[in-house]
C-alpha atoms as a PDB file:
ATOM      1  CA  ILE A   1     111.580 129.526 111.399  1.00  0.00           C
ATOM      2  CA  TRP A   2     113.102 127.970 114.871  1.00  0.00           C
ATOM      3  CA  MET A   3     114.913 125.542 113.329  1.00  0.00           C
ATOM      4  CA  GLY A   4     116.879 127.884 111.248  1.00  0.00           C
ATOM      5  CA  ARG A   5     118.156 129.835 114.547  1.00  0.00           C
ATOM      6  CA  HIS A   6     119.076 126.497 115.980  1.00  0.00           C
ATOM      7  CA  GLU A   7     116.192 127.164 118.900  1.00  0.00           C
ATOM      8  CA  ASP A   8     115.367 123.718 118.505  1.00  0.00           C
ATOM      9  CA  VAL A   9     113.751 123.574 122.589  1.00  0.00           C
ATOM     10  CA  ALA A  10     111.474 126.395 121.228  1.00  0.00           C
ATOM     11  CA  ALA A  11     110.466 124.543 118.374  1.00  0.00           C
ATOM     12  CA  LEU A  12     110.617 121.020 120.400  1.00  0.00           C
ATOM     13  CA  ARG A  13     107.700 122.761 122.164  1.00  0.00           C
ATOM     14  CA  ALA A  14     105.688 124.218 119.546  1.00  0.00           C
ATOM     15  CA  PHE A  15     105.734 121.028 117.378  1.00  0.00           C
ATOM     16  CA  GLU A  16     104.744 118.834 120.957  1.00  0.00           C
ATOM     17  CA  LYS A  17     102.278 121.731 120.783  1.00  0.00           C
ATOM     18  CA  ALA A  18     100.809 121.461 117.065  1.00  0.00           C
ATOM     19  CA  LEU A  19     100.814 117.433 118.251  1.00  0.00           C
ATOM     20  CA  SER A  20      98.835 117.500 121.403  1.00  0.00           C
ATOM     21  CA  LEU A  21      95.819 119.631 118.885  1.00  0.00           C
ATOM     22  CA  ASP A  22      96.555 117.545 116.115  1.00  0.00           C
ATOM     23  CA  HIS A  23      97.427 113.936 116.481  1.00  0.00           C
ATOM     24  CA  GLY A  24      97.174 114.030 112.592  1.00  0.00           C
ATOM     25  CA  ASN A  25      99.296 116.670 111.371  1.00  0.00           C
ATOM     26  CA  PRO A  26     102.501 114.759 109.606  1.00  0.00           C
ATOM     27  CA  PHE A  27     104.131 118.478 109.406  1.00  0.00           C
ATOM     28  CA  ALA A  28     104.523 118.468 112.965  1.00  0.00           C
ATOM     29  CA  TYR A  29     105.864 114.853 113.024  1.00  0.00           C
ATOM     30  CA  LEU A  30     108.288 115.587 110.265  1.00  0.00           C
ATOM     31  CA  GLY A  31     109.194 118.929 112.768  1.00  0.00           C
ATOM     32  CA  ARG A  32     109.724 116.681 115.552  1.00  0.00           C
ATOM     33  CA  GLY A  33     111.022 114.111 113.889  1.00  0.00           C
ATOM     34  CA  GLY A  34     114.177 116.500 112.300  1.00  0.00           C
ATOM     35  CA  ILE A  35     114.976 118.131 115.858  1.00  0.00           C
ATOM     36  CA  ARG A  36     115.260 114.332 116.989  1.00  0.00           C
ATOM     37  CA  THR A  37     117.585 113.945 114.261  1.00  0.00           C
ATOM     38  CA  SER A  38     119.799 116.833 115.033  1.00  0.00           C
ATOM     39  CA  ARG A  39     119.626 115.878 118.796  1.00  0.00           C
ATOM     40  CA  ALA A  40     121.261 111.934 117.794  1.00  0.00           C
ATOM     41  CA  ASP A  41     117.743 110.706 118.883  1.00  0.00           C
ATOM     42  CA  TYR A  42     117.457 108.814 116.174  1.00  0.00           C
ATOM     43  CA  ASP A  43     115.178 105.728 116.964  1.00  0.00           C
ATOM     44  CA  GLY A  44     113.135 108.823 118.254  1.00  0.00           C
ATOM     45  CA  ALA A  45     113.377 110.432 114.755  1.00  0.00           C
ATOM     46  CA  ILE A  46     112.486 107.524 112.877  1.00  0.00           C
ATOM     47  CA  ALA A  47     109.535 106.996 115.286  1.00  0.00           C
ATOM     48  CA  ASP A  48     108.281 110.241 114.657  1.00  0.00           C
ATOM     49  CA  LEU A  49     109.194 110.193 111.210  1.00  0.00           C
ATOM     50  CA  SER A  50     107.479 106.569 110.356  1.00  0.00           C
ATOM     51  CA  HIS A  51     104.360 107.903 111.995  1.00  0.00           C
ATOM     52  CA  ALA A  52     104.376 110.877 109.451  1.00  0.00           C
ATOM     53  CA  ILE A  53     104.967 108.702 106.505  1.00  0.00           C
ATOM     54  CA  LYS A  54     102.043 106.291 107.695  1.00  0.00           C
ATOM     55  CA  LEU A  55      99.528 109.848 107.837  1.00  0.00           C
ATOM     56  CA  GLN A  56     100.765 110.562 104.284  1.00  0.00           C
ATOM     57  CA  PRO A  57     102.155 107.953 102.539  1.00  0.00           C
ATOM     58  CA  ASP A  58     103.423 110.174  99.289  1.00  0.00           C
ATOM     59  CA  PHE A  59     105.784 112.191 102.086  1.00  0.00           C
ATOM     60  CA  ALA A  60     108.680 112.597  99.906  1.00  0.00           C
ATOM     61  CA  THR A  61     110.219 114.949 102.595  1.00  0.00           C
ATOM     62  CA  ALA A  62     109.590 112.205 105.246  1.00  0.00           C
ATOM     63  CA  TYR A  63     111.119 109.540 103.224  1.00  0.00           C
ATOM     64  CA  ASN A  64     114.698 111.788 102.889  1.00  0.00           C
ATOM     65  CA  ALA A  65     114.266 112.770 106.619  1.00  0.00           C
ATOM     66  CA  ARG A  66     114.332 109.613 107.659  1.00  0.00           C
ATOM     67  CA  SER A  67     116.397 108.164 105.798  1.00  0.00           C
ATOM     68  CA  GLN A  68     119.270 110.375 107.182  1.00  0.00           C
ATOM     69  CA  ALA A  69     117.932 109.243 110.506  1.00  0.00           C
ATOM     70  CA  TRP A  70     118.836 105.587 109.623  1.00  0.00           C
ATOM     71  CA  GLU A  71     122.244 106.494 107.965  1.00  0.00           C
ATOM     72  CA  ALA A  72     123.151 108.316 111.240  1.00  0.00           C
ATOM     73  CA  LYS A  73     122.239 104.837 112.977  1.00  0.00           C
ATOM     74  CA  GLY A  74     124.535 103.312 110.552  1.00  0.00           C
ATOM     75  CA  ASN A  75     121.376 101.614 109.015  1.00  0.00           C
ATOM     76  CA  HIS A  76     122.349 101.904 104.795  1.00  0.00           C
ATOM     77  CA  LYS A  77     120.270  99.409 103.690  1.00  0.00           C
ATOM     78  CA  ARG A  78     117.199 101.462 105.220  1.00  0.00           C
ATOM     79  CA  ALA A  79     118.582 104.378 104.473  1.00  0.00           C
ATOM     80  CA  GLU A  80     118.828 104.027 100.839  1.00  0.00           C
ATOM     81  CA  ALA A  81     115.688 102.204 100.611  1.00  0.00           C
ATOM     82  CA  ASP A  82     114.019 105.784 101.948  1.00  0.00           C
ATOM     83  CA  ARG A  83     115.805 107.794  99.531  1.00  0.00           C
ATOM     84  CA  LYS A  84     114.843 105.717  96.821  1.00  0.00           C
ATOM     85  CA  LYS A  85     111.152 105.974  97.837  1.00  0.00           C
ATOM     86  CA  ALA A  86     111.945 109.650  98.262  1.00  0.00           C
ATOM     87  CA  LEU A  87     112.961 110.134  95.140  1.00  0.00           C
ATOM     88  CA  SER A  88     110.399 107.916  93.265  1.00  0.00           C
ATOM     89  CA  LEU A  89     107.470 110.202  94.815  1.00  0.00           C
ATOM     90  CA  GLY A  90     109.456 113.192  93.088  1.00  0.00           C
ATOM     91  CA  ALA A  91     112.043 114.479  95.611  1.00  0.00           C
ATOM     92  CA  LYS A  92     115.457 115.966  94.410  1.00  0.00           C
END
């Protein structure tokens, strides 16, 4: 909801609150990773998205999101690997 309205400060707080309550929530890591990517914090985004994938290995959306962060960092090989993995898991 917040991310669609570009209220990333409030969204970041909400995801961090969710993670303080449940460190095992892959969706909160996905959300925070998306915000970090939009803020050009690619290393932070990759860390969050990798954690989401560790928690839920079949999380195609997290692979897609991480591919965007890798791409933004200029690591096209890792970005392509994540895109392929996302597709293999049924992402469109």
